[in-house]
Every structure is written in structure tokens, then in C-alpha cells.
């Protein structure tokens, strides 16, 4: 059967039609997370998520354990959602193991537990193999991606950006949405992250214009704020200043850099408050970031003392105020800012690890 677009799937989900087996197929992290969140909200009340939602990985958990959970009546909730990531791992088993896994999944999906919504997830599956053919017949396949053509992807991403902005109680101009979609290469997770920064940047004005996107959004280039975080974490002032110079040469605006860095510092502070043993995927849910970016946040948060982060955030707010007040030499503001961010924090040397 043809894969269902996410919008159609969410519409169907809102009508609470029974869906015992679902395959989320595709690589878009934002769409996948959106589907996960809506599924959890639809079938597991917020106060009972601990009992109503279970997550597994086909690469790490046995099929016995997964199917046992799916067939076990949940406690305190009438229905449960069982998420299984990395289903493509079944394709990598030996012939006998792969055949056994496919047969057992098919047997379950032929007579699924009425109290379980089994959600299988894969970035890609080989359409020539039995696993894909079986899941296509026995599950509702949802395409968690925007499409192949760049122009179509950007148009859909711009439309979704408008909806994301409304959910953040902000107004996004159409041309700003198009600029954002193009600069983020139609990456919905990154668009969502950039919109959070933009909403904070425009503040009470609420309206996000194209000029704001151009000023604040840092496109995917060789240098990133996370590379800067590594330099700040280890107190490498000369390299940090060289990094700043390269960004300014590439056309990055000082106000946009300060906004991105302030957002990064807030995420590092949030990351320090998370439990130590969270996986990048779990951290991504708490931090509202992509898993790979959450992994950066977790790694750098462990290197920078909390006192330095708090002092750094105060320095960033001061720099932002100076830049917005029309300070004549923005480059000098940025250089002074980096000197402050790489200075020894109160009570410890630069580069100290908490």
C-alpha cells in the first residue's frame, strides 16, 4: 500500500480510529517526533505516560521482550503505545533469524492485542525484502519525510514553519518562512529550533520578519556555535577569536551570533539539569532538539561549570543590549564578549570541569 503523508495520518489520528500497527518510515526527525508525540497524546493520558508508553530498539532489545510487552495488559491505562526504533536492524540478521523475526511480527500483526498500538520505526527498508512487504500489508505506513524534490520540500517546510510559529504564539511572515526553510535546507527539526530562537529574539513584538531570519539564523556552514562551545569550554581564547573572525567574514551578523550563543547557553544549562544516563534521543525530547544536537549539548554541559554558564549568559545579555542600542563597533563588542566568555569564572580557572 502507498505510504500515508503525515498530515493525513494526524487527521486520522485525531478521529481516534483504531490503528493496531503503524510503520513510521523516513528520515525526518521532526516529523517522526511529531508523530510520536501525537500518538502518545492520543492513547496515553499525560498523567499516565509512565504506564502507557514503552520504547524499545530493535537493534538492542530482543523481539521476545518487545512482543511480550505488546501482549501484556497495561496497568492503570486502557491502552498502551509501544515504540520500536531501528526496525531496519531485522534486515541485518542472518537468513534464519530474519525469517523468524518477520514471521513472528506477521503472526502478532495478524492478531494484535486490542489494548496496544505497536509503532515500528525505520529510516529506510529494502522494498525487495519480505520485511517491507509484510509491514506494507499489515501496518499503516506513514512517510515521515517531506518528499524528494527540493522545491516541494521547501514549500512544505515553509508551510509547517508557519504552523510551528503559531504554536509558539508568534507570527511568521510568509517570506520569512520561505527564507527560513531555504536556509535550513527544509530540515524541520532545525527550523523548529531556529524558530524558538527567533521567537525569543523578537520578544514582545511577536512578529518574525525576513530581516530577523537573515539576522539571527546561522546556516549550516563549516563553523557552528557548537564548535565555539568546545573552544569556550576549554578556554581557548586565541582560537575562539579566530573562529569569530571567520564567522564575520562569512557574513554572520553579530546580533544573530549573540542570539544563537545565548540559546546555546540556555540549552547547556538545561542539559546540566537532566539525569546523567539519558540517551541522546531522551535528551532530545527534554531539550526540544535533534538527537545529534542534544548529544552535543550533553557533552559540552559536562565540561563547563554551571557558574561559568550563568556568568556567560549574563555577558551575552549585556552584549545583546549593546548591539541593539546601536553601539558603533559591533566587532569590538563581540571580541570583548569572547574575552569574557573565555576568562576564568569566579572560583575556578578557565577550562575547569565541573
Protein backbone atom coordinates (compact mmCIF):
# COMPACT_ATOMS: atom_id res chain seq x y z
CA UNK A 1 0.00 0.00 0.00
CA UNK A 2 1.14 3.61 -0.53
CA UNK A 3 2.60 5.45 2.44
CA UNK A 4 0.34 7.95 4.15
CA UNK A 5 1.52 11.55 4.44
CA UNK A 6 1.98 12.82 8.00
CA UNK A 7 -0.82 15.40 7.70
CA UNK A 8 -3.30 12.71 6.64
CA UNK A 9 -2.10 10.42 9.41
CA UNK A 10 -2.56 13.11 12.08
CA UNK A 11 -6.03 13.84 10.73
CA UNK A 12 -6.91 10.17 11.01
CA UNK A 13 -5.38 10.01 14.48
CA UNK A 14 -7.49 12.93 15.66
CA UNK A 15 -10.60 10.89 14.84
CA UNK A 16 -9.34 8.10 17.14
CA UNK A 17 -9.70 5.41 14.54
CA UNK A 18 -8.12 2.16 15.78
CA UNK A 19 -4.59 1.64 14.41
CA UNK A 20 -3.07 -1.51 15.96
CA UNK A 21 0.12 -1.44 13.86
CA UNK A 22 1.97 1.57 12.42
CA UNK A 23 5.23 1.90 10.48
CA UNK A 24 6.91 5.33 10.62
CA UNK A 25 9.19 5.21 7.58
CA UNK A 26 11.60 8.00 6.70
CA UNK A 27 14.46 10.17 7.94
CA UNK A 28 12.86 13.45 9.01
CA UNK A 29 13.48 13.71 12.77
CA UNK A 30 10.91 16.45 13.33
CA UNK A 31 8.07 14.62 11.60
CA UNK A 32 8.97 11.43 13.44
CA UNK A 33 8.94 13.24 16.80
CA UNK A 34 5.66 14.92 15.89
CA UNK A 35 4.04 11.56 15.16
CA UNK A 36 5.43 10.09 18.38
CA UNK A 37 4.09 12.97 20.44
CA UNK A 38 0.63 12.86 18.86
CA UNK A 39 0.42 9.08 19.28
CA UNK A 40 1.37 9.30 22.95
CA UNK A 41 -1.15 12.10 23.49
CA UNK A 42 -3.91 10.20 21.68
CA UNK A 43 -3.59 6.91 23.53
CA UNK A 44 -1.84 7.64 26.83
CA UNK A 45 -3.15 10.43 29.09
CA UNK A 46 -0.44 12.85 30.21
CA UNK A 47 -0.63 11.80 33.84
CA UNK A 48 -0.26 8.13 32.91
CA UNK A 49 2.51 8.22 30.28
CA UNK A 50 4.80 6.24 32.57
CA UNK A 51 2.47 3.26 32.28
CA UNK A 52 1.08 3.91 28.82
CA UNK A 53 4.22 4.42 26.69
CA UNK A 54 7.14 2.00 26.28
CA UNK A 55 10.16 2.40 24.00
CA UNK A 56 12.40 -0.29 22.53
CA UNK A 57 15.15 -0.55 19.94
CA UNK A 58 15.13 -3.49 17.51
CA UNK A 59 18.93 -3.22 17.45
CA UNK A 60 19.29 -3.58 21.23
CA UNK A 61 16.15 -5.30 22.58
CA UNK A 62 15.05 -8.84 21.81
CA UNK A 63 11.91 -9.44 19.78
CA UNK A 64 10.71 -11.66 22.65
CA UNK A 65 10.78 -8.70 25.00
CA UNK A 66 9.07 -6.38 22.51
CA UNK A 67 6.22 -8.77 21.72
CA UNK A 68 5.83 -9.70 25.38
CA UNK A 69 5.25 -6.04 26.22
CA UNK A 70 2.81 -5.64 23.32
CA UNK A 71 0.79 -8.62 24.56
CA UNK A 72 0.83 -7.60 28.24
CA UNK A 73 -2.25 -5.77 29.51
CA UNK A 74 -1.09 -2.30 30.64
CA UNK A 75 -1.58 -1.12 34.21
CA UNK A 76 -3.75 1.91 35.06
CA UNK A 77 -4.46 2.80 31.40
CA UNK A 78 -6.88 1.21 28.90
CA UNK A 79 -4.36 1.34 26.02
CA UNK A 80 -0.60 1.45 25.60
CA UNK A 81 1.74 2.62 22.85
CA UNK A 82 4.84 0.50 22.20
CA UNK A 83 7.51 2.27 20.12
CA UNK A 84 10.19 0.16 18.42
CA UNK A 85 13.07 2.12 16.85
CA UNK A 86 15.61 0.86 14.28
CA UNK A 87 13.40 -1.83 12.77
CA UNK A 88 15.86 -1.99 9.86
CA UNK A 89 18.06 -4.00 12.25
CA UNK A 90 15.89 -7.04 11.43
CA UNK A 91 17.12 -6.84 7.82
CA UNK A 92 20.71 -7.28 9.02
CA UNK A 93 20.07 -10.60 10.76
CA UNK A 94 21.16 -13.86 9.19
CA UNK A 95 18.71 -15.59 6.86
CA UNK A 96 17.18 -17.80 9.56
CA UNK A 97 17.00 -15.03 12.17
CA UNK A 98 15.49 -12.57 9.70
CA UNK A 99 12.87 -15.08 8.53
CA UNK A 100 11.97 -15.90 12.13
CA UNK A 101 11.61 -12.21 13.06
CA UNK A 102 9.40 -11.48 10.06
CA UNK A 103 7.18 -14.50 10.72
CA UNK A 104 6.75 -13.64 14.39
CA UNK A 105 5.92 -9.99 13.65
CA UNK A 106 3.45 -11.11 10.99
CA UNK A 107 1.79 -13.51 13.43
CA UNK A 108 1.39 -10.73 16.01
CA UNK A 109 0.05 -8.22 13.47
CA UNK A 110 -2.43 -10.81 12.17
CA UNK A 111 -3.99 -10.91 15.65
CA UNK A 112 -2.76 -7.81 17.50
CA UNK A 113 -3.51 -7.11 21.15
CA UNK A 114 -6.58 -4.83 21.25
CA UNK A 115 -5.05 -2.70 24.02
CA UNK A 116 -1.74 -1.99 22.20
CA UNK A 117 -0.71 0.37 19.43
CA UNK A 118 2.56 -1.06 18.08
CA UNK A 119 4.64 1.66 16.38
CA UNK A 120 7.57 0.40 14.31
CA UNK A 121 10.15 2.95 13.14
CA UNK A 122 12.74 2.76 10.36
CA UNK A 123 14.69 5.33 8.38
CA UNK A 124 14.63 3.08 5.30
CA UNK A 125 13.69 -0.50 4.40
CA UNK A 126 14.63 -2.57 1.37
CA UNK A 127 11.41 -2.82 -0.64
CA UNK A 128 12.60 -6.09 -2.19
CA UNK A 129 12.71 -7.86 1.16
CA UNK A 130 9.96 -9.78 2.93
CA UNK A 131 10.01 -7.47 5.97
CA UNK A 132 8.97 -4.42 3.97
CA UNK A 133 6.32 -6.33 2.00
CA UNK A 134 4.82 -7.79 5.17
CA UNK A 135 4.73 -4.45 7.01
CA UNK A 136 3.23 -2.74 3.97
CA UNK A 137 0.34 -5.22 4.10
CA UNK A 138 -0.21 -5.42 7.84
CA UNK A 139 0.53 -1.91 9.16
CA UNK A 140 -0.42 1.65 8.41
CA UNK A 141 2.71 3.04 6.71
CA UNK A 142 3.37 6.73 7.39
CA UNK A 143 6.02 8.59 5.35
CA UNK A 144 7.95 10.74 7.81
CA UNK A 145 9.65 12.88 5.18
CA UNK A 146 8.77 15.85 3.01
CA UNK A 147 9.47 14.40 -0.42
CA UNK A 148 12.30 14.17 -2.93
CA UNK A 149 12.07 17.40 -4.96
CA UNK A 150 13.89 20.32 -3.25
CA UNK A 151 11.25 22.87 -4.31
CA UNK A 152 8.43 20.73 -2.93
CA UNK A 153 10.34 20.11 0.29
CA UNK A 154 10.97 23.80 0.84
CA UNK A 155 7.37 24.76 0.09
CA UNK A 156 6.03 22.20 2.58
CA UNK A 157 8.67 23.14 5.16
CA UNK A 158 7.69 26.81 4.87
CA UNK A 159 4.04 25.91 5.46
CA UNK A 160 4.95 23.84 8.51
CA UNK A 161 7.13 26.70 9.80
CA UNK A 162 4.06 28.94 9.81
CA UNK A 163 2.21 26.37 11.93
CA UNK A 164 5.17 25.96 14.29
CA UNK A 165 5.31 29.73 14.82
CA UNK A 166 1.60 29.84 15.70
CA UNK A 167 2.17 27.12 18.29
CA UNK A 168 4.86 29.35 19.81
CA UNK A 169 2.39 32.28 19.89
CA UNK A 170 4.40 34.12 17.25
CA UNK A 171 3.51 35.45 13.81
CA UNK A 172 5.84 34.42 10.98
CA UNK A 173 5.72 36.37 7.72
CA UNK A 174 5.38 34.18 4.64
CA UNK A 175 8.61 35.42 3.06
CA UNK A 176 10.36 34.85 6.41
CA UNK A 177 9.05 31.28 6.44
CA UNK A 178 10.39 30.71 2.93
CA UNK A 179 13.78 32.21 3.85
CA UNK A 180 13.94 30.03 6.96
CA UNK A 181 13.02 26.86 5.04
CA UNK A 182 15.68 27.57 2.42
CA UNK A 183 18.43 28.45 4.90
CA UNK A 184 17.72 25.32 6.95
CA UNK A 185 17.57 23.11 3.85
CA UNK A 186 13.96 22.16 4.72
CA UNK A 187 15.17 20.44 7.92
CA UNK A 188 12.06 20.67 10.11
CA UNK A 189 13.86 19.92 13.36
CA UNK A 190 16.31 22.73 12.69
CA UNK A 191 13.51 25.06 11.59
CA UNK A 192 11.71 24.41 14.87
CA UNK A 193 14.89 25.06 16.83
CA UNK A 194 15.61 28.28 14.91
CA UNK A 195 12.03 29.47 15.40
CA UNK A 196 12.43 29.09 19.17
CA UNK A 197 15.48 31.38 18.95
CA UNK A 198 13.66 33.81 16.67
CA UNK A 199 10.62 34.00 18.98
CA UNK A 200 12.93 34.87 21.88
CA UNK A 201 14.83 37.33 19.67
CA UNK A 202 11.77 39.37 18.62
CA UNK A 203 10.32 39.26 22.14
CA UNK A 204 7.11 41.21 22.70
CA UNK A 205 6.95 42.24 19.06
CA UNK A 206 5.87 38.63 18.33
CA UNK A 207 6.12 39.14 14.57
CA UNK A 208 9.07 37.42 12.89
CA UNK A 209 10.14 39.13 9.67
CA UNK A 210 12.51 38.11 6.93
CA UNK A 211 15.12 40.55 8.25
CA UNK A 212 15.02 38.75 11.61
CA UNK A 213 15.69 35.41 9.92
CA UNK A 214 18.58 36.90 8.00
CA UNK A 215 20.00 38.47 11.17
CA UNK A 216 19.67 35.53 13.52
CA UNK A 217 19.64 32.20 11.73
CA UNK A 218 23.05 30.62 11.41
CA UNK A 219 23.04 28.43 8.30
CA UNK A 220 24.71 25.02 8.19
CA UNK A 221 28.28 26.06 7.43
CA UNK A 222 31.74 24.85 8.32
CA UNK A 223 31.71 26.64 11.66
CA UNK A 224 28.89 26.26 14.18
CA UNK A 225 28.09 27.56 17.64
CA UNK A 226 28.77 24.06 18.95
CA UNK A 227 32.33 24.25 17.69
CA UNK A 228 32.56 27.52 19.55
CA UNK A 229 31.24 25.79 22.67
CA UNK A 230 34.25 23.45 22.59
CA UNK A 231 36.63 26.42 22.47
CA UNK A 232 34.80 28.20 25.28
CA UNK A 233 34.68 25.04 27.39
CA UNK A 234 38.47 24.72 27.26
CA UNK A 235 39.24 28.45 27.49
CA UNK A 236 40.96 28.64 24.07
CA UNK A 237 40.73 32.40 23.63
CA UNK A 238 43.00 32.83 20.55
CA UNK A 239 41.18 30.09 18.63
CA UNK A 240 37.80 31.46 19.72
CA UNK A 241 38.72 34.90 18.37
CA UNK A 242 39.89 33.34 15.08
CA UNK A 243 36.61 31.45 14.94
CA UNK A 244 34.69 34.69 15.42
CA UNK A 245 36.66 36.37 12.66
CA UNK A 246 35.88 33.54 10.23
CA UNK A 247 32.16 33.76 11.01
CA UNK A 248 32.09 37.52 10.48
CA UNK A 249 33.94 37.10 7.18
CA UNK A 250 31.31 34.58 6.09
CA UNK A 251 28.64 37.22 6.64
CA UNK A 252 27.22 36.24 10.03
CA UNK A 253 25.67 39.17 11.88
CA UNK A 254 26.85 39.93 15.46
CA UNK A 255 23.30 40.17 16.82
CA UNK A 256 22.44 36.82 15.27
CA UNK A 257 25.54 35.19 16.71
CA UNK A 258 24.81 36.52 20.18
CA UNK A 259 21.23 35.26 19.95
CA UNK A 260 22.41 31.81 18.83
CA UNK A 261 25.04 31.67 21.58
CA UNK A 262 22.54 32.73 24.26
CA UNK A 263 20.20 29.98 23.09
CA UNK A 264 23.11 27.54 23.25
CA UNK A 265 23.99 28.58 26.81
CA UNK A 266 20.38 28.14 27.92
CA UNK A 267 20.35 24.65 26.40
CA UNK A 268 23.61 23.79 28.18
CA UNK A 269 22.10 24.89 31.49
CA UNK A 270 19.00 22.79 30.79
CA UNK A 271 21.23 19.84 29.84
CA UNK A 272 23.03 20.05 33.19
CA UNK A 273 19.69 19.52 34.93
CA UNK A 274 18.96 16.27 33.09
CA UNK A 275 19.66 12.83 34.63
CA UNK A 276 23.21 11.68 33.89
CA UNK A 277 22.40 8.48 31.99
CA UNK A 278 19.84 9.81 29.47
CA UNK A 279 20.30 8.71 25.86
CA UNK A 280 20.60 11.41 23.15
CA UNK A 281 17.06 10.54 22.00
CA UNK A 282 15.64 11.01 25.50
CA UNK A 283 17.63 14.21 25.97
CA UNK A 284 16.35 15.46 22.62
CA UNK A 285 12.78 15.14 23.89
CA UNK A 286 13.53 17.17 27.02
CA UNK A 287 15.63 19.81 25.25
CA UNK A 288 13.43 20.08 22.12
CA UNK A 289 16.44 19.41 19.90
CA UNK A 290 17.56 16.87 17.36
CA UNK A 291 19.30 13.85 18.94
CA UNK A 292 22.68 14.72 17.42
CA UNK A 293 22.41 18.29 18.74
CA UNK A 294 21.26 17.02 22.14
CA UNK A 295 24.35 14.84 22.20
CA UNK A 296 26.49 17.96 21.67
CA UNK A 297 24.63 19.71 24.50
CA UNK A 298 25.12 16.81 26.91
CA UNK A 299 28.82 16.54 26.10
CA UNK A 300 29.58 20.25 26.46
CA UNK A 301 27.35 20.70 29.51
CA UNK A 302 29.58 18.28 31.41
CA UNK A 303 32.70 20.31 30.55
CA UNK A 304 31.58 23.82 31.53
CA UNK A 305 30.91 24.64 35.21
CA UNK A 306 27.42 25.93 35.90
CA UNK A 307 28.82 29.16 37.34
CA UNK A 308 30.60 29.87 34.07
CA UNK A 309 27.42 29.23 32.09
CA UNK A 310 25.41 31.61 34.26
CA UNK A 311 28.12 34.30 34.06
CA UNK A 312 28.36 33.73 30.31
CA UNK A 313 24.62 34.11 29.85
CA UNK A 314 24.73 37.43 31.72
CA UNK A 315 27.59 38.57 29.46
CA UNK A 316 25.60 37.57 26.38
CA UNK A 317 22.57 39.56 27.54
CA UNK A 318 24.79 42.62 28.08
CA UNK A 319 26.31 42.22 24.61
CA UNK A 320 22.86 41.84 23.08
CA UNK A 321 21.74 45.06 24.78
CA UNK A 322 24.78 46.95 23.49
CA UNK A 323 24.32 45.71 19.93
CA UNK A 324 20.62 46.59 19.89
CA UNK A 325 21.29 50.04 21.34
CA UNK A 326 23.32 50.92 18.24
CA UNK A 327 26.88 50.55 19.57
CA UNK A 328 29.22 51.90 16.91
CA UNK A 329 31.68 48.99 16.77
CA UNK A 330 29.83 45.61 16.84
CA UNK A 331 33.09 43.74 16.21
CA UNK A 332 34.59 45.23 19.38
CA UNK A 333 31.50 44.14 21.33
CA UNK A 334 31.92 40.58 20.04
CA UNK A 335 35.64 40.44 20.77
CA UNK A 336 35.14 41.75 24.31
CA UNK A 337 32.34 39.20 24.75
CA UNK A 338 34.61 36.30 23.79
CA UNK A 339 37.31 37.55 26.15
CA UNK A 340 34.75 37.46 28.96
CA UNK A 341 33.47 34.02 27.96
CA UNK A 342 36.98 32.55 27.98
CA UNK A 343 38.05 34.22 31.24
CA UNK A 344 38.35 32.25 34.47
CA UNK A 345 34.97 32.03 36.22
CA UNK A 346 34.53 33.12 39.81
CA UNK A 347 36.14 30.45 41.96
CA UNK A 348 37.98 28.45 39.26
CA UNK A 349 40.37 28.53 36.31
CA UNK A 350 39.31 28.63 32.69
CA UNK A 351 38.54 25.24 31.30
CA UNK A 352 37.80 23.69 34.71
CA UNK A 353 35.48 20.70 34.54
CA UNK A 354 32.60 20.51 36.95
